[in-house]
Amino acid sequence: MNIFLIPHTWTRHIAVGLVVGGAGLLNWFVFLHWIVWAGPTLEQYGLLPTTGSEGTLFLATTAGAIGGASLLAEHSLRRSPLWKRVALPVLGGAISFAIALFGIFMTTFIMRHIFTGSELRPMVSDPSLVSLRYRLLTWMFCGVASAMGPLLLRKFSGIFLHFLGGFAAGGLAGAVWHWLGYQILGDMYLASAFACFVWGLTHGLFVWGIPSELYAGWVRVLSSERFAWRVPVDTLEGGPSERFVGHFPRGLDTFLSVENGVAELHTSFVVDSEHHYAIRGLSQQPTMVKRLMESVDLRYDPRRPAPLETELQNEDRIVMGAGATQSEVEFLLLPKEER
């Protein structure tokens, strides 16, 4: 994944999910060809799993592929060294694979010996059983396993989202597998493909999304006087920062002339240590923040002890001045590396 190709819009929330879902679908494709297409050739060399172990290996490898893809997406976006982009996804995928194997054996034992009577035990033990009632627990545990590998390598950061997202991904994948395969399509191969994609998509939506810390704020001039001139709100060192806009001749980050309706010290753009952006109105001259279906008047009221401020969102426009003498700037969130 490339951070330059993902804008700071709603699309960034689904970008990781689509990639991880694609990894799950790719695992289905490879596993299917291993069993069906290459099966007759590999069987004579003893490289083909038994019928009873196919489902176990399929779920475990899918959990490993999804866990590894999540880590690969993260470190690709963070521009980590090459060895991390290779070693950490492989290690995380292996951890998820091992936990999924353990979970499958445990859930199978639980369903056979605790929640099932002796008369139904032979049916539940049949690996070809297609029933969400007896397979949902296995799907959910494998979903959690796909999140456990990344969670351990992320040093338990976001533990609640990993567990919640894992349960949701595995449970929803199992429901899709049963619903499509048994009630709609009648084709378990295609149902498994949809289940793998939904598993990875849900994992990417809930477990780890693209954080705002990978983006930095910029102030870009839209007025004709200094069109496209822009300054960063963040500093290279990170942490709190403030950028000033006005026509005072010295010490300001963005200079705009008084002839265009800008006061000596008109506005300032601030960012705190938690990466939240805001704008302050420092002048009694008209200052308006405009976004979709909303406008905020930030002109300074001398009777107030502090200037007004409002939180900034990507592509907010700030209009300073009124009528023919006004200037306009825009707040943008761009990848940090774009300097």
Protein backbone atom coordinates (compact mmCIF):
# COMPACT_ATOMS: atom_id res chain seq x y z
CA MET A 1 0.00 0.00 0.00
CA ASN A 2 1.11 3.56 -0.73
CA ILE A 3 0.08 6.38 1.60
CA PHE A 4 0.31 8.88 -1.28
CA LEU A 5 -2.56 7.11 -3.07
CA ILE A 6 -4.96 7.26 -0.09
CA PRO A 7 -6.51 10.71 0.51
CA HIS A 8 -7.68 11.77 3.97
CA THR A 9 -11.34 11.15 3.14
CA TRP A 10 -13.86 8.43 3.99
CA THR A 11 -12.05 6.13 1.54
CA ARG A 12 -9.13 5.70 3.94
CA HIS A 13 -11.43 3.82 6.33
CA ILE A 14 -12.06 1.04 3.79
CA ALA A 15 -8.66 0.96 2.06
CA VAL A 16 -7.06 -1.49 4.52
CA GLY A 17 -10.20 -3.62 4.58
CA LEU A 18 -10.16 -4.04 0.80
CA VAL A 19 -6.49 -5.02 0.82
CA VAL A 20 -6.85 -7.51 3.68
CA GLY A 21 -10.03 -8.89 2.11
CA GLY A 22 -8.08 -9.41 -1.09
CA ALA A 23 -5.44 -11.32 0.87
CA GLY A 24 -8.13 -13.63 2.24
CA LEU A 25 -9.51 -14.16 -1.24
CA LEU A 26 -6.03 -14.89 -2.58
CA ASN A 27 -5.52 -17.48 0.16
CA TRP A 28 -8.79 -19.16 -0.92
CA PHE A 29 -7.60 -19.22 -4.56
CA VAL A 30 -4.22 -20.76 -3.68
CA PHE A 31 -5.71 -23.30 -1.29
CA LEU A 32 -8.37 -24.33 -3.81
CA HIS A 33 -5.76 -24.91 -6.51
CA TRP A 34 -3.61 -26.84 -4.08
CA ILE A 35 -6.46 -29.22 -3.29
CA VAL A 36 -8.33 -29.44 -6.60
CA TRP A 37 -5.95 -28.61 -9.44
CA ALA A 38 -2.63 -29.88 -8.07
CA GLY A 39 -4.23 -32.54 -5.87
CA PRO A 40 -3.88 -35.54 -8.20
CA THR A 41 -0.18 -34.80 -8.72
CA LEU A 42 0.64 -34.03 -5.10
CA GLU A 43 -1.24 -37.00 -3.70
CA GLN A 44 1.34 -39.47 -4.95
CA TYR A 45 4.04 -37.54 -3.06
CA GLY A 46 2.03 -37.36 0.16
CA LEU A 47 1.62 -33.57 -0.02
CA LEU A 48 -2.16 -33.56 -0.04
CA PRO A 49 -4.02 -33.19 3.29
CA THR A 50 -6.63 -35.71 4.30
CA THR A 51 -10.29 -34.95 3.82
CA GLY A 52 -10.82 -34.49 7.53
CA SER A 53 -8.03 -31.91 7.84
CA GLU A 54 -8.86 -29.76 4.82
CA GLY A 55 -11.25 -27.49 6.72
CA THR A 56 -8.83 -27.08 9.60
CA LEU A 57 -5.96 -26.11 7.32
CA PHE A 58 -8.18 -23.81 5.27
CA LEU A 59 -9.36 -21.79 8.27
CA ALA A 60 -5.88 -21.68 9.84
CA THR A 61 -4.15 -20.54 6.64
CA THR A 62 -6.84 -17.91 6.07
CA ALA A 63 -6.32 -16.58 9.59
CA GLY A 64 -2.57 -16.44 8.96
CA ALA A 65 -2.96 -14.73 5.58
CA ILE A 66 -5.32 -12.08 6.98
CA GLY A 67 -3.15 -11.42 10.04
CA GLY A 68 -0.02 -11.12 7.91
CA ALA A 69 -1.75 -8.87 5.37
CA SER A 70 -2.85 -6.50 8.13
CA LEU A 71 0.75 -6.11 9.31
CA LEU A 72 2.05 -5.78 5.76
CA ALA A 73 -0.44 -2.98 5.05
CA GLU A 74 0.54 -1.15 8.23
CA HIS A 75 4.28 -1.24 7.68
CA SER A 76 3.94 -0.39 4.00
CA LEU A 77 1.99 2.74 4.95
CA ARG A 78 4.49 3.62 7.69
CA ARG A 79 7.42 3.24 5.25
CA SER A 80 9.10 0.77 7.59
CA PRO A 81 12.45 -0.80 6.59
CA LEU A 82 12.22 -3.66 4.12
CA TRP A 83 13.13 -6.30 6.68
CA LYS A 84 10.16 -5.27 8.83
CA ARG A 85 7.81 -5.39 5.87
CA VAL A 86 8.89 -9.00 5.28
CA ALA A 87 9.67 -10.41 8.72
CA LEU A 88 6.80 -8.99 10.76
CA PRO A 89 3.97 -10.07 8.42
CA VAL A 90 5.47 -13.57 8.19
CA LEU A 91 5.86 -13.78 11.96
CA GLY A 92 2.40 -12.36 12.65
CA GLY A 93 0.84 -14.70 10.11
CA ALA A 94 2.59 -17.69 11.67
CA ILE A 95 1.33 -16.70 15.14
CA SER A 96 -2.22 -16.33 13.85
CA PHE A 97 -1.93 -19.70 12.06
CA ALA A 98 -0.77 -21.46 15.24
CA ILE A 99 -3.46 -19.86 17.43
CA ALA A 100 -6.13 -20.75 14.87
CA LEU A 101 -5.02 -24.41 14.85
CA PHE A 102 -5.21 -24.52 18.64
CA GLY A 103 -8.60 -22.83 18.59
CA ILE A 104 -10.03 -25.22 16.02
CA PHE A 105 -9.01 -28.24 18.10
CA MET A 106 -10.40 -26.65 21.27
CA THR A 107 -13.73 -25.57 19.77
CA THR A 108 -14.16 -28.94 18.09
CA PHE A 109 -13.58 -30.69 21.42
CA ILE A 110 -16.03 -28.36 23.16
CA MET A 111 -18.75 -28.87 20.58
CA ARG A 112 -18.32 -32.66 20.57
CA HIS A 113 -18.08 -33.34 24.28
CA ILE A 114 -19.83 -30.46 26.07
CA PHE A 115 -22.61 -29.02 23.93
CA THR A 116 -23.54 -32.20 22.05
CA GLY A 117 -25.16 -35.36 23.33
CA SER A 118 -23.79 -38.80 22.57
CA GLU A 119 -26.46 -39.45 19.94
CA LEU A 120 -25.36 -36.41 17.86
CA ARG A 121 -21.62 -36.82 18.40
CA PRO A 122 -20.97 -38.86 15.21
CA MET A 123 -22.71 -36.19 13.11
CA VAL A 124 -20.82 -33.31 14.71
CA SER A 125 -17.53 -35.19 14.25
CA ASP A 126 -18.12 -35.42 10.50
CA PRO A 127 -15.79 -32.81 8.84
CA SER A 128 -18.24 -32.38 5.96
CA LEU A 129 -20.99 -31.06 8.28
CA VAL A 130 -22.34 -27.72 7.03
CA SER A 131 -24.15 -26.20 9.98
CA LEU A 132 -23.59 -22.79 11.47
CA ARG A 133 -24.86 -24.07 14.79
CA TYR A 134 -21.83 -26.34 15.20
CA ARG A 135 -19.28 -24.31 13.22
CA LEU A 136 -19.88 -20.71 14.34
CA LEU A 137 -17.68 -21.00 17.42
CA THR A 138 -14.80 -22.23 15.25
CA TRP A 139 -15.20 -19.36 12.78
CA MET A 140 -15.28 -16.80 15.58
CA PHE A 141 -12.20 -18.21 17.29
CA CYS A 142 -10.30 -18.21 13.99
CA GLY A 143 -11.35 -14.59 13.48
CA VAL A 144 -9.86 -13.71 16.86
CA ALA A 145 -6.73 -15.70 15.94
CA SER A 146 -6.28 -13.59 12.80
CA ALA A 147 -6.16 -10.52 15.06
CA MET A 148 -3.95 -12.04 17.77
CA GLY A 149 -0.79 -12.19 15.65
CA PRO A 150 -0.95 -8.48 14.74
CA LEU A 151 -1.95 -7.61 18.32
CA LEU A 152 1.15 -9.25 19.80
CA LEU A 153 3.48 -7.49 17.34
CA ARG A 154 1.71 -4.17 17.93
CA LYS A 155 2.51 -4.60 21.63
CA PHE A 156 -1.17 -4.88 22.62
CA SER A 157 -2.03 -1.47 21.21
CA GLY A 158 -5.78 -1.34 20.56
CA ILE A 159 -6.50 -4.63 22.32
CA PHE A 160 -10.26 -4.00 22.49
CA LEU A 161 -10.54 -3.29 18.76
CA HIS A 162 -8.49 -6.38 17.91
CA PHE A 163 -10.68 -8.71 19.94
CA LEU A 164 -13.94 -7.08 18.88
CA GLY A 165 -12.90 -6.91 15.23
CA GLY A 166 -11.68 -10.51 15.30
CA PHE A 167 -14.95 -11.81 16.74
CA ALA A 168 -16.98 -9.77 14.25
CA ALA A 169 -14.85 -10.81 11.28
CA GLY A 170 -14.94 -14.52 12.09
CA GLY A 171 -18.62 -14.59 13.02
CA LEU A 172 -19.72 -12.64 9.94
CA ALA A 173 -17.54 -14.80 7.68
CA GLY A 174 -19.11 -17.95 9.13
CA ALA A 175 -22.60 -16.55 8.60
CA VAL A 176 -21.82 -15.65 4.98
CA TRP A 177 -20.28 -19.09 4.40
CA HIS A 178 -23.38 -20.88 5.69
CA TRP A 179 -25.97 -18.54 4.21
CA LEU A 180 -24.53 -18.48 0.69
CA GLY A 181 -23.37 -22.07 0.59
CA TYR A 182 -26.41 -23.72 2.11
CA GLN A 183 -29.33 -21.41 1.31
CA ILE A 184 -28.48 -19.16 -1.66
CA LEU A 185 -25.76 -20.43 -4.00
CA GLY A 186 -25.59 -24.08 -3.05
CA ASP A 187 -21.87 -23.97 -3.88
CA MET A 188 -19.53 -24.27 -0.92
CA TYR A 189 -16.49 -23.30 -3.00
CA LEU A 190 -17.94 -19.90 -3.92
CA ALA A 191 -19.39 -19.49 -0.45
CA SER A 192 -15.91 -19.96 1.01
CA ALA A 193 -14.54 -17.31 -1.35
CA PHE A 194 -17.13 -14.76 -0.23
CA ALA A 195 -16.53 -15.72 3.40
CA CYS A 196 -12.77 -15.13 3.07
CA PHE A 197 -13.29 -11.71 1.52
CA VAL A 198 -15.85 -10.67 4.15
CA TRP A 199 -13.51 -11.95 6.87
CA GLY A 200 -10.60 -9.83 5.62
CA LEU A 201 -12.81 -6.81 4.88
CA THR A 202 -14.33 -6.79 8.38
CA HIS A 203 -10.90 -7.37 9.92
CA GLY A 204 -9.50 -4.36 8.07
CA LEU A 205 -12.46 -2.16 8.98
CA PHE A 206 -12.39 -2.84 12.73
CA VAL A 207 -8.97 -4.12 13.78
CA TRP A 208 -6.56 -1.55 12.32
CA GLY A 209 -7.34 1.45 10.15
CA ILE A 210 -5.11 4.15 8.73
CA PRO A 211 -4.38 6.52 11.65
CA SER A 212 -4.49 10.30 11.32
CA GLU A 213 -0.91 10.48 12.56
CA LEU A 214 0.27 9.48 9.08
CA TYR A 215 -1.08 12.78 7.74
CA ALA A 216 -0.01 16.37 8.38
CA GLY A 217 -1.96 19.63 8.15
CA TRP A 218 -1.24 22.32 5.55
CA VAL A 219 -2.57 25.81 4.91
CA ARG A 220 -2.94 26.54 1.19
CA VAL A 221 -3.80 29.95 -0.27
CA LEU A 222 -6.69 29.98 -2.73
CA SER A 223 -6.70 33.72 -3.45
CA SER A 224 -5.12 34.93 -6.69
CA GLU A 225 -2.52 37.07 -4.87
CA ARG A 226 -0.49 34.08 -3.63
CA PHE A 227 -2.40 31.20 -5.19
CA ALA A 228 -1.23 27.70 -4.17
CA TRP A 229 1.29 28.99 -1.61
CA ARG A 230 1.19 26.62 1.33
CA VAL A 231 2.84 26.13 4.72
CA PRO A 232 2.77 23.10 7.04
CA VAL A 233 0.97 23.36 10.37
CA ASP A 234 3.02 20.54 11.91
CA THR A 235 6.72 20.87 12.69
CA LEU A 236 9.28 18.27 11.65
CA GLU A 237 9.84 17.37 15.29
CA GLY A 238 6.11 16.84 15.93
CA GLY A 239 4.20 18.03 18.98
CA PRO A 240 2.11 21.21 19.45
CA SER A 241 2.52 23.94 16.86
CA GLU A 242 0.85 27.18 15.72
CA ARG A 243 0.99 29.00 12.37
CA PHE A 244 -0.13 32.61 11.94
CA VAL A 245 -1.78 34.32 8.97
CA GLY A 246 -1.84 38.11 8.54
CA HIS A 247 -0.14 41.10 6.88
CA PHE A 248 2.31 41.99 9.66
CA PRO A 249 5.67 42.31 7.81
CA ARG A 250 7.69 40.03 10.08
CA GLY A 251 7.27 36.81 12.01
CA LEU A 252 4.19 35.46 10.24
CA ASP A 253 4.05 32.08 8.54
CA THR A 254 1.70 33.19 5.74
CA PHE A 255 1.69 36.81 4.53
CA LEU A 256 -1.41 38.18 2.80
CA SER A 257 -1.77 41.89 2.04
CA VAL A 258 -4.10 44.35 3.73
CA GLU A 259 -5.56 45.27 0.31
CA ASN A 260 -7.14 41.79 0.30
CA GLY A 261 -8.97 42.17 3.59
CA VAL A 262 -6.40 40.55 5.90
CA ALA A 263 -5.62 42.13 9.28
CA GLU A 264 -2.13 42.36 10.77
CA LEU A 265 -2.78 39.24 12.83
CA HIS A 266 -5.87 37.61 11.42
CA THR A 267 -5.97 33.85 12.19
CA SER A 268 -3.80 31.06 13.52
CA PHE A 269 -3.79 27.33 12.81
CA VAL A 270 -2.89 25.09 15.75
CA VAL A 271 -2.21 21.39 16.32
CA ASP A 272 -1.88 19.71 19.72
CA SER A 273 0.12 16.73 20.88
CA GLU A 274 -2.77 14.38 20.05
CA HIS A 275 -2.84 15.50 16.42
CA HIS A 276 -6.04 17.56 16.63
CA TYR A 277 -6.22 20.66 14.42
CA ALA A 278 -8.08 23.90 15.12
CA ILE A 279 -8.23 27.50 13.88
CA ARG A 280 -8.45 30.66 16.00
CA GLY A 281 -9.90 34.00 14.99
CA LEU A 282 -7.52 36.77 16.12
CA SER A 283 -9.06 39.79 14.37
CA GLN A 284 -12.30 41.77 14.51
CA GLN A 285 -12.37 41.63 10.73
CA PRO A 286 -14.78 39.09 9.15
CA THR A 287 -13.43 35.54 9.48
CA MET A 288 -15.58 32.65 8.26
CA VAL A 289 -14.85 28.92 8.23
CA LYS A 290 -16.91 27.13 5.58
CA ARG A 291 -17.52 23.42 5.12
CA LEU A 292 -20.36 21.28 3.80
CA MET A 293 -23.66 22.53 5.29
CA GLU A 294 -21.86 24.51 8.01
CA SER A 295 -20.29 27.94 8.54
CA VAL A 296 -18.49 29.23 11.63
CA ASP A 297 -17.95 32.94 12.34
CA LEU A 298 -14.60 33.36 14.17
CA ARG A 299 -14.27 37.16 14.29
CA TYR A 300 -12.75 38.24 17.59
CA ASP A 301 -15.04 39.71 20.24
CA PRO A 302 -13.04 42.06 22.55
CA ARG A 303 -15.46 41.30 25.39
CA ARG A 304 -14.35 37.65 25.44
CA PRO A 305 -11.29 36.58 27.47
CA ALA A 306 -9.95 34.43 24.62
CA PRO A 307 -10.39 34.21 20.84
CA LEU A 308 -12.91 31.80 19.38
CA GLU A 309 -11.65 28.60 17.81
CA THR A 310 -13.14 25.63 16.00
CA GLU A 311 -11.90 22.20 15.03
CA LEU A 312 -10.59 21.88 11.50
CA GLN A 313 -11.51 19.20 8.98
CA ASN A 314 -9.87 18.29 5.72
CA GLU A 315 -10.67 20.76 2.89
CA ASP A 316 -12.18 23.42 5.18
CA ARG A 317 -12.10 26.87 3.56
CA ILE A 318 -11.38 30.02 5.58
CA VAL A 319 -12.54 33.37 4.17
CA MET A 320 -10.94 36.52 5.64
CA GLY A 321 -12.38 39.95 4.87
CA ALA A 322 -15.63 40.77 3.08
CA GLY A 323 -16.89 41.81 -0.31
CA ALA A 324 -14.31 42.56 -2.99
CA THR A 325 -11.47 42.74 -0.43
CA GLN A 326 -11.17 39.24 0.92
CA SER A 327 -8.71 36.37 0.92
CA GLU A 328 -9.36 32.66 1.09
CA VAL A 329 -7.20 29.80 2.35
CA GLU A 330 -7.82 26.07 2.63
CA PHE A 331 -6.85 23.52 5.26
CA LEU A 332 -5.57 20.21 3.86
CA LEU A 333 -4.43 16.94 5.37
CA LEU A 334 -1.69 15.35 3.26
CA PRO A 335 0.75 12.47 3.83
CA LYS A 336 3.50 13.52 6.22
CA GLU A 337 6.25 12.69 3.75
CA GLU A 338 4.98 15.26 1.24
CA ARG A 339 7.16 18.26 2.06
